[in-house]
Full PDB file with SEQRES, HELIX, SHEET, SSBOND, CRYST1, ORIGX, SCALE, CONECT and MASTER records, all heavy atoms in Angstrom:
SEQRES   1 A   30  PRO ARG SER VAL PRO ALA THR TYR VAL GLY ILE MET ASP          
SEQRES   2 A   30  THR ILE ARG HIS ILE PHE SER ARG THR PRO GLU ALA ARG          
SEQRES   3 A   30  ALA ARG GLY TYR                                              
HELIX    1 AA1 PRO A    5  TYR A    8  1                                   4    
HELIX    2 AA2 MET A   12  SER A   20  1                                   9    
HELIX    3 AA3 PRO A   23  ARG A   28  1                                   6    
CRYST1    1.000    1.000    1.000  90.00  90.00  90.00 P 1           1          
ORIGX1      1.000000  0.000000  0.000000        0.00000                         
ORIGX2      0.000000  1.000000  0.000000        0.00000                         
ORIGX3      0.000000  0.000000  1.000000        0.00000                         
SCALE1      1.000000  0.000000  0.000000        0.00000                         
SCALE2      0.000000  1.000000  0.000000        0.00000                         
SCALE3      0.000000  0.000000  1.000000        0.00000                         
ATOM      1  N   PRO A   1     -24.851 104.720-102.602  1.00  0.00           N  
ATOM      2  CA  PRO A   1     -25.620 104.481-103.838  1.00  0.00           C  
ATOM      3  C   PRO A   1     -27.017 105.096-103.810  1.00  0.00           C  
ATOM      4  O   PRO A   1     -27.661 105.208-104.843  1.00  0.00           O  
ATOM      5  CB  PRO A   1     -25.703 102.946-103.904  1.00  0.00           C  
ATOM      6  CG  PRO A   1     -24.545 102.450-103.094  1.00  0.00           C  
ATOM      7  CD  PRO A   1     -24.393 103.457-101.989  1.00  0.00           C  
ATOM      8  N   ARG A   2     -27.502 105.489-102.621  1.00  0.00           N  
ATOM      9  CA  ARG A   2     -28.824 106.110-102.526  1.00  0.00           C  
ATOM     10  C   ARG A   2     -28.839 107.502-103.162  1.00  0.00           C  
ATOM     11  O   ARG A   2     -29.883 108.017-103.548  1.00  0.00           O  
ATOM     12  CB  ARG A   2     -29.252 106.252-101.069  1.00  0.00           C  
ATOM     13  CG  ARG A   2     -29.525 104.945-100.389  1.00  0.00           C  
ATOM     14  CD  ARG A   2     -30.162 105.179 -99.025  1.00  0.00           C  
ATOM     15  NE  ARG A   2     -30.281 103.932 -98.301  1.00  0.00           N  
ATOM     16  CZ  ARG A   2     -31.185 103.014 -98.549  1.00  0.00           C  
ATOM     17  NH1 ARG A   2     -32.067 103.224 -99.512  1.00  0.00           N  
ATOM     18  NH2 ARG A   2     -31.240 101.901 -97.849  1.00  0.00           N  
ATOM     19  N   SER A   3     -27.676 108.143-103.206  1.00  0.00           N  
ATOM     20  CA  SER A   3     -27.590 109.482-103.793  1.00  0.00           C  
ATOM     21  C   SER A   3     -27.386 109.349-105.294  1.00  0.00           C  
ATOM     22  O   SER A   3     -26.413 108.756-105.745  1.00  0.00           O  
ATOM     23  CB  SER A   3     -26.422 110.235-103.150  1.00  0.00           C  
ATOM     24  OG  SER A   3     -26.234 111.459-103.801  1.00  0.00           O  
ATOM     25  N   VAL A   4     -28.313 109.904-106.065  1.00  0.00           N  
ATOM     26  CA  VAL A   4     -28.255 109.810-107.533  1.00  0.00           C  
ATOM     27  C   VAL A   4     -28.499 111.194-108.123  1.00  0.00           C  
ATOM     28  O   VAL A   4     -29.063 112.075-107.463  1.00  0.00           O  
ATOM     29  CB  VAL A   4     -29.299 108.797-108.069  1.00  0.00           C  
ATOM     30  CG1 VAL A   4     -29.029 107.395-107.541  1.00  0.00           C  
ATOM     31  CG2 VAL A   4     -30.715 109.237-107.727  1.00  0.00           C  
ATOM     32  N   PRO A   5     -28.082 111.431-109.377  1.00  0.00           N  
ATOM     33  CA  PRO A   5     -28.288 112.749-110.009  1.00  0.00           C  
ATOM     34  C   PRO A   5     -29.743 113.215-109.978  1.00  0.00           C  
ATOM     35  O   PRO A   5     -30.008 114.398-109.782  1.00  0.00           O  
ATOM     36  CB  PRO A   5     -27.802 112.520-111.445  1.00  0.00           C  
ATOM     37  CG  PRO A   5     -26.763 111.453-111.323  1.00  0.00           C  
ATOM     38  CD  PRO A   5     -27.256 110.545-110.234  1.00  0.00           C  
ATOM     39  N   ALA A   6     -30.710 112.293-110.158  1.00  0.00           N  
ATOM     40  CA  ALA A   6     -32.123 112.680-110.185  1.00  0.00           C  
ATOM     41  C   ALA A   6     -32.563 113.311-108.871  1.00  0.00           C  
ATOM     42  O   ALA A   6     -33.350 114.266-108.859  1.00  0.00           O  
ATOM     43  CB  ALA A   6     -32.995 111.463-110.505  1.00  0.00           C  
ATOM     44  N   THR A   7     -32.075 112.790-107.746  1.00  0.00           N  
ATOM     45  CA  THR A   7     -32.455 113.369-106.450  1.00  0.00           C  
ATOM     46  C   THR A   7     -31.727 114.685-106.224  1.00  0.00           C  
ATOM     47  O   THR A   7     -32.289 115.629-105.672  1.00  0.00           O  
ATOM     48  CB  THR A   7     -32.154 112.401-105.289  1.00  0.00           C  
ATOM     49  OG1 THR A   7     -30.783 111.999-105.348  1.00  0.00           O  
ATOM     50  CG2 THR A   7     -33.032 111.181-105.361  1.00  0.00           C  
ATOM     51  N   TYR A   8     -30.460 114.775-106.659  1.00  0.00           N  
ATOM     52  CA  TYR A   8     -29.657 115.970-106.386  1.00  0.00           C  
ATOM     53  C   TYR A   8     -30.190 117.194-107.120  1.00  0.00           C  
ATOM     54  O   TYR A   8     -30.199 118.299-106.573  1.00  0.00           O  
ATOM     55  CB  TYR A   8     -28.191 115.736-106.754  1.00  0.00           C  
ATOM     56  CG  TYR A   8     -27.265 116.773-106.163  1.00  0.00           C  
ATOM     57  CD1 TYR A   8     -26.756 116.624-104.870  1.00  0.00           C  
ATOM     58  CD2 TYR A   8     -26.942 117.930-106.857  1.00  0.00           C  
ATOM     59  CE1 TYR A   8     -25.938 117.587-104.308  1.00  0.00           C  
ATOM     60  CE2 TYR A   8     -26.118 118.897-106.305  1.00  0.00           C  
ATOM     61  CZ  TYR A   8     -25.624 118.725-105.029  1.00  0.00           C  
ATOM     62  OH  TYR A   8     -24.823 119.693-104.471  1.00  0.00           O  
ATOM     63  N   VAL A   9     -30.622 117.021-108.377  1.00  0.00           N  
ATOM     64  CA  VAL A   9     -31.128 118.178-109.134  1.00  0.00           C  
ATOM     65  C   VAL A   9     -32.628 118.392-108.912  1.00  0.00           C  
ATOM     66  O   VAL A   9     -33.231 119.269-109.519  1.00  0.00           O  
ATOM     67  CB  VAL A   9     -30.823 118.064-110.650  1.00  0.00           C  
ATOM     68  CG1 VAL A   9     -29.339 118.070-110.905  1.00  0.00           C  
ATOM     69  CG2 VAL A   9     -31.463 116.827-111.262  1.00  0.00           C  
ATOM     70  N   GLY A  10     -33.220 117.577-108.039  1.00  0.00           N  
ATOM     71  CA  GLY A  10     -34.594 117.818-107.601  1.00  0.00           C  
ATOM     72  C   GLY A  10     -35.691 117.384-108.537  1.00  0.00           C  
ATOM     73  O   GLY A  10     -36.792 117.951-108.505  1.00  0.00           O  
ATOM     74  N   ILE A  11     -35.442 116.359-109.369  1.00  0.00           N  
ATOM     75  CA  ILE A  11     -36.500 115.913-110.290  1.00  0.00           C  
ATOM     76  C   ILE A  11     -37.131 114.586-109.857  1.00  0.00           C  
ATOM     77  O   ILE A  11     -38.123 114.158-110.435  1.00  0.00           O  
ATOM     78  CB  ILE A  11     -35.979 115.782-111.739  1.00  0.00           C  
ATOM     79  CG1 ILE A  11     -34.858 114.736-111.828  1.00  0.00           C  
ATOM     80  CG2 ILE A  11     -35.515 117.130-112.266  1.00  0.00           C  
ATOM     81  CD1 ILE A  11     -34.404 114.451-113.258  1.00  0.00           C  
ATOM     82  N   MET A  12     -36.569 113.942-108.839  1.00  0.00           N  
ATOM     83  CA  MET A  12     -37.073 112.631-108.431  1.00  0.00           C  
ATOM     84  C   MET A  12     -38.514 112.715-107.910  1.00  0.00           C  
ATOM     85  O   MET A  12     -39.337 111.849-108.209  1.00  0.00           O  
ATOM     86  CB  MET A  12     -36.145 112.030-107.365  1.00  0.00           C  
ATOM     87  CG  MET A  12     -36.367 110.555-107.109  1.00  0.00           C  
ATOM     88  SD  MET A  12     -36.048 109.555-108.562  1.00  0.00           S  
ATOM     89  CE  MET A  12     -36.958 108.074-108.142  1.00  0.00           C  
ATOM     90  N   ASP A  13     -38.820 113.780-107.156  1.00  0.00           N  
ATOM     91  CA  ASP A  13     -40.183 113.930-106.623  1.00  0.00           C  
ATOM     92  C   ASP A  13     -41.201 114.036-107.755  1.00  0.00           C  
ATOM     93  O   ASP A  13     -42.277 113.431-107.695  1.00  0.00           O  
ATOM     94  CB  ASP A  13     -40.270 115.169-105.724  1.00  0.00           C  
ATOM     95  CG  ASP A  13     -39.617 114.939-104.373  1.00  0.00           C  
ATOM     96  OD1 ASP A  13     -39.315 113.772-104.067  1.00  0.00           O  
ATOM     97  OD2 ASP A  13     -39.395 115.926-103.644  1.00  0.00           O  
ATOM     98  N   THR A  14     -40.846 114.822-108.783  1.00  0.00           N  
ATOM     99  CA  THR A  14     -41.759 114.995-109.922  1.00  0.00           C  
ATOM    100  C   THR A  14     -41.975 113.666-110.646  1.00  0.00           C  
ATOM    101  O   THR A  14     -43.105 113.328-111.024  1.00  0.00           O  
ATOM    102  CB  THR A  14     -41.192 116.039-110.903  1.00  0.00           C  
ATOM    103  OG1 THR A  14     -40.868 117.227-110.188  1.00  0.00           O  
ATOM    104  CG2 THR A  14     -42.188 116.363-111.993  1.00  0.00           C  
ATOM    105  N   ILE A  15     -40.891 112.896-110.835  1.00  0.00           N  
ATOM    106  CA  ILE A  15     -40.997 111.600-111.513  1.00  0.00           C  
ATOM    107  C   ILE A  15     -41.900 110.661-110.713  1.00  0.00           C  
ATOM    108  O   ILE A  15     -42.746 109.955-111.272  1.00  0.00           O  
ATOM    109  CB  ILE A  15     -39.597 110.976-111.712  1.00  0.00           C  
ATOM    110  CG1 ILE A  15     -38.798 111.782-112.738  1.00  0.00           C  
ATOM    111  CG2 ILE A  15     -39.704 109.513-112.165  1.00  0.00           C  
ATOM    112  CD1 ILE A  15     -37.338 111.364-112.881  1.00  0.00           C  
ATOM    113  N   ARG A  16     -41.747 110.671-109.385  1.00  0.00           N  
ATOM    114  CA  ARG A  16     -42.573 109.792-108.538  1.00  0.00           C  
ATOM    115  C   ARG A  16     -44.051 110.184-108.624  1.00  0.00           C  
ATOM    116  O   ARG A  16     -44.922 109.321-108.642  1.00  0.00           O  
ATOM    117  CB  ARG A  16     -42.072 109.846-107.089  1.00  0.00           C  
ATOM    118  CG  ARG A  16     -40.708 109.157-106.901  1.00  0.00           C  
ATOM    119  CD  ARG A  16     -40.327 108.904-105.463  1.00  0.00           C  
ATOM    120  NE  ARG A  16     -40.047 110.126-104.727  1.00  0.00           N  
ATOM    121  CZ  ARG A  16     -40.824 110.601-103.768  1.00  0.00           C  
ATOM    122  NH1 ARG A  16     -41.922 109.962-103.411  1.00  0.00           N  
ATOM    123  NH2 ARG A  16     -40.510 111.717-103.142  1.00  0.00           N  
ATOM    124  N   HIS A  17     -44.333 111.485-108.675  1.00  0.00           N  
ATOM    125  CA  HIS A  17     -45.723 111.930-108.785  1.00  0.00           C  
ATOM    126  C   HIS A  17     -46.324 111.558-110.141  1.00  0.00           C  
ATOM    127  O   HIS A  17     -47.513 111.238-110.231  1.00  0.00           O  
ATOM    128  CB  HIS A  17     -45.817 113.445-108.558  1.00  0.00           C  
ATOM    129  CG  HIS A  17     -45.800 113.830-107.111  1.00  0.00           C  
ATOM    130  ND1 HIS A  17     -44.679 114.338-106.486  1.00  0.00           N  
ATOM    131  CD2 HIS A  17     -46.764 113.752-106.154  1.00  0.00           C  
ATOM    132  CE1 HIS A  17     -44.947 114.564-105.218  1.00  0.00           C  
ATOM    133  NE2 HIS A  17     -46.205 114.215-104.981  1.00  0.00           N  
ATOM    134  N   ILE A  18     -45.507 111.601-111.203  1.00  0.00           N  
ATOM    135  CA  ILE A  18     -45.988 111.188-112.528  1.00  0.00           C  
ATOM    136  C   ILE A  18     -46.416 109.721-112.493  1.00  0.00           C  
ATOM    137  O   ILE A  18     -47.488 109.358-113.005  1.00  0.00           O  
ATOM    138  CB  ILE A  18     -44.893 111.422-113.597  1.00  0.00           C  
ATOM    139  CG1 ILE A  18     -44.704 112.918-113.838  1.00  0.00           C  
ATOM    140  CG2 ILE A  18     -45.232 110.710-114.907  1.00  0.00           C  
ATOM    141  CD1 ILE A  18     -43.498 113.269-114.705  1.00  0.00           C  
ATOM    142  N   PHE A  19     -45.594 108.886-111.870  1.00  0.00           N  
ATOM    143  CA  PHE A  19     -45.928 107.455-111.778  1.00  0.00           C  
ATOM    144  C   PHE A  19     -47.171 107.229-110.913  1.00  0.00           C  
ATOM    145  O   PHE A  19     -47.995 106.350-111.204  1.00  0.00           O  
ATOM    146  CB  PHE A  19     -44.740 106.661-111.221  1.00  0.00           C  
ATOM    147  CG  PHE A  19     -43.818 106.149-112.290  1.00  0.00           C  
ATOM    148  CD1 PHE A  19     -42.735 106.910-112.707  1.00  0.00           C  
ATOM    149  CD2 PHE A  19     -44.032 104.914-112.899  1.00  0.00           C  
ATOM    150  CE1 PHE A  19     -41.894 106.456-113.706  1.00  0.00           C  
ATOM    151  CE2 PHE A  19     -43.193 104.458-113.895  1.00  0.00           C  
ATOM    152  CZ  PHE A  19     -42.124 105.227-114.311  1.00  0.00           C  
ATOM    153  N   SER A  20     -47.307 108.036-109.852  1.00  0.00           N  
ATOM    154  CA  SER A  20     -48.471 107.844-108.955  1.00  0.00           C  
ATOM    155  C   SER A  20     -49.783 108.234-109.626  1.00  0.00           C  
ATOM    156  O   SER A  20     -50.862 107.819-109.182  1.00  0.00           O  
ATOM    157  CB  SER A  20     -48.288 108.649-107.664  1.00  0.00           C  
ATOM    158  OG  SER A  20     -48.383 110.039-107.919  1.00  0.00           O  
ATOM    159  N   ARG A  21     -49.700 109.026-110.727  1.00  0.00           N  
ATOM    160  CA  ARG A  21     -50.915 109.465-111.417  1.00  0.00           C  
ATOM    161  C   ARG A  21     -51.276 108.573-112.616  1.00  0.00           C  
ATOM    162  O   ARG A  21     -52.243 108.848-113.318  1.00  0.00           O  
ATOM    163  CB  ARG A  21     -50.758 110.920-111.880  1.00  0.00           C  
ATOM    164  CG  ARG A  21     -50.704 111.922-110.731  1.00  0.00           C  
ATOM    165  CD  ARG A  21     -51.061 113.325-111.198  1.00  0.00           C  
ATOM    166  NE  ARG A  21     -50.094 113.855-112.150  1.00  0.00           N  
ATOM    167  CZ  ARG A  21     -49.052 114.604-111.815  1.00  0.00           C  
ATOM    168  NH1 ARG A  21     -48.844 114.892-110.537  1.00  0.00           N  
ATOM    169  NH2 ARG A  21     -48.232 115.065-112.727  1.00  0.00           N  
ATOM    170  N   THR A  22     -50.493 107.525-112.856  1.00  0.00           N  
ATOM    171  CA  THR A  22     -50.825 106.611-113.955  1.00  0.00           C  
ATOM    172  C   THR A  22     -52.064 105.787-113.569  1.00  0.00           C  
ATOM    173  O   THR A  22     -52.304 105.537-112.381  1.00  0.00           O  
ATOM    174  CB  THR A  22     -49.647 105.656-114.263  1.00  0.00           C  
ATOM    175  OG1 THR A  22     -49.356 104.900-113.079  1.00  0.00           O  
ATOM    176  CG2 THR A  22     -48.418 106.414-114.713  1.00  0.00           C  
ATOM    177  N   PRO A  23     -52.870 105.364-114.553  1.00  0.00           N  
ATOM    178  CA  PRO A  23     -54.082 104.574-114.242  1.00  0.00           C  
ATOM    179  C   PRO A  23     -53.795 103.331-113.404  1.00  0.00           C  
ATOM    180  O   PRO A  23     -54.540 103.007-112.471  1.00  0.00           O  
ATOM    181  CB  PRO A  23     -54.603 104.201-115.635  1.00  0.00           C  
ATOM    182  CG  PRO A  23     -54.072 105.252-116.545  1.00  0.00           C  
ATOM    183  CD  PRO A  23     -52.746 105.641-115.992  1.00  0.00           C  
ATOM    184  N   GLU A  24     -52.692 102.631-113.710  1.00  0.00           N  
ATOM    185  CA  GLU A  24     -52.337 101.414-112.970  1.00  0.00           C  
ATOM    186  C   GLU A  24     -52.069 101.715-111.500  1.00  0.00           C  
ATOM    187  O   GLU A  24     -52.535 100.998-110.605  1.00  0.00           O  
ATOM    188  CB  GLU A  24     -51.094 100.781-113.617  1.00  0.00           C  
ATOM    189  CG  GLU A  24     -50.619  99.489-112.977  1.00  0.00           C  
ATOM    190  CD  GLU A  24     -51.542  98.314-113.247  1.00  0.00           C  
ATOM    191  OE1 GLU A  24     -52.374  98.399-114.180  1.00  0.00           O  
ATOM    192  OE2 GLU A  24     -51.455  97.308-112.523  1.00  0.00           O  
ATOM    193  N   ALA A  25     -51.315 102.792-111.232  1.00  0.00           N  
ATOM    194  CA  ALA A  25     -50.995 103.160-109.841  1.00  0.00           C  
ATOM    195  C   ALA A  25     -52.250 103.578-109.087  1.00  0.00           C  
ATOM    196  O   ALA A  25     -52.445 103.225-107.913  1.00  0.00           O  
ATOM    197  CB  ALA A  25     -49.961 104.280-109.827  1.00  0.00           C  
ATOM    198  N   ARG A  26     -53.140 104.335-109.751  1.00  0.00           N  
ATOM    199  CA  ARG A  26     -54.364 104.789-109.084  1.00  0.00           C  
ATOM    200  C   ARG A  26     -55.295 103.617-108.781  1.00  0.00           C  
ATOM    201  O   ARG A  26     -55.948 103.579-107.731  1.00  0.00           O  
ATOM    202  CB  ARG A  26     -55.052 105.834-109.959  1.00  0.00           C  
ATOM    203  CG  ARG A  26     -54.233 107.116-110.052  1.00  0.00           C  
ATOM    204  CD  ARG A  26     -54.752 108.062-111.109  1.00  0.00           C  
ATOM    205  NE  ARG A  26     -56.005 108.687-110.704  1.00  0.00           N  
ATOM    206  CZ  ARG A  26     -56.648 109.590-111.447  1.00  0.00           C  
ATOM    207  NH1 ARG A  26     -56.144 109.955-112.612  1.00  0.00           N  
ATOM    208  NH2 ARG A  26     -57.786 110.114-111.030  1.00  0.00           N  
ATOM    209  N   ALA A  27     -55.336 102.635-109.711  1.00  0.00           N  
ATOM    210  CA  ALA A  27     -56.167 101.445-109.477  1.00  0.00           C  
ATOM    211  C   ALA A  27     -55.658 100.647-108.288  1.00  0.00           C  
ATOM    212  O   ALA A  27     -56.446 100.058-107.536  1.00  0.00           O  
ATOM    213  CB  ALA A  27     -56.173 100.579-110.736  1.00  0.00           C  
ATOM    214  N   ARG A  28     -54.340 100.648-108.101  1.00  0.00           N  
ATOM    215  CA  ARG A  28     -53.747  99.887-106.982  1.00  0.00           C  
ATOM    216  C   ARG A  28     -53.673 100.708-105.700  1.00  0.00           C  
ATOM    217  O   ARG A  28     -53.277 100.191-104.650  1.00  0.00           O  
ATOM    218  CB  ARG A  28     -52.327  99.438-107.362  1.00  0.00           C  
ATOM    219  CG  ARG A  28     -52.284  98.411-108.499  1.00  0.00           C  
ATOM    220  CD  ARG A  28     -50.844  98.079-108.857  1.00  0.00           C  
ATOM    221  NE  ARG A  28     -50.759  97.085-109.930  1.00  0.00           N  
ATOM    222  CZ  ARG A  28     -49.963  96.026-109.904  1.00  0.00           C  
ATOM    223  NH1 ARG A  28     -49.199  95.805-108.859  1.00  0.00           N  
ATOM    224  NH2 ARG A  28     -49.932  95.186-110.927  1.00  0.00           N  
ATOM    225  N   GLY A  29     -53.966 102.009-105.790  1.00  0.00           N  
ATOM    226  CA  GLY A  29     -53.916 102.866-104.602  1.00  0.00           C  
ATOM    227  C   GLY A  29     -52.502 103.274-104.208  1.00  0.00           C  
ATOM    228  O   GLY A  29     -52.254 103.586-103.040  1.00  0.00           O  
ATOM    229  N   TYR A  30     -51.597 103.281-105.177  1.00  0.00           N  
ATOM    230  CA  TYR A  30     -50.211 103.644-104.878  1.00  0.00           C  
ATOM    231  C   TYR A  30     -50.040 105.169-104.809  1.00  0.00           C  
ATOM    232  O   TYR A  30     -50.475 105.896-105.707  1.00  0.00           O  
ATOM    233  CB  TYR A  30     -49.247 103.104-105.944  1.00  0.00           C  
ATOM    234  CG  TYR A  30     -49.094 101.590-105.960  1.00  0.00           C  
ATOM    235  CD1 TYR A  30     -48.469 100.958-107.044  1.00  0.00           C  
ATOM    236  CD2 TYR A  30     -49.545 100.802-104.907  1.00  0.00           C  
ATOM    237  CE1 TYR A  30     -48.308  99.575-107.079  1.00  0.00           C  
ATOM    238  CE2 TYR A  30     -49.393  99.429-104.925  1.00  0.00           C  
ATOM    239  CZ  TYR A  30     -48.774  98.820-106.019  1.00  0.00           C  
ATOM    240  OH  TYR A  30     -48.634  97.458-106.038  1.00  0.00           O  
TER     241      TYR A  30                                                      
MASTER        0    0    0    3    0    0    0    6  240    1    0    3          
END                                                                             
């Protein structure tokens, strides 16, 4: 179950970086 379409086509890293740049994530240091 760890293998998903998002990781296989290589977009998961980009999605994670988008979330890390949100104001809430930056305030929490994520």
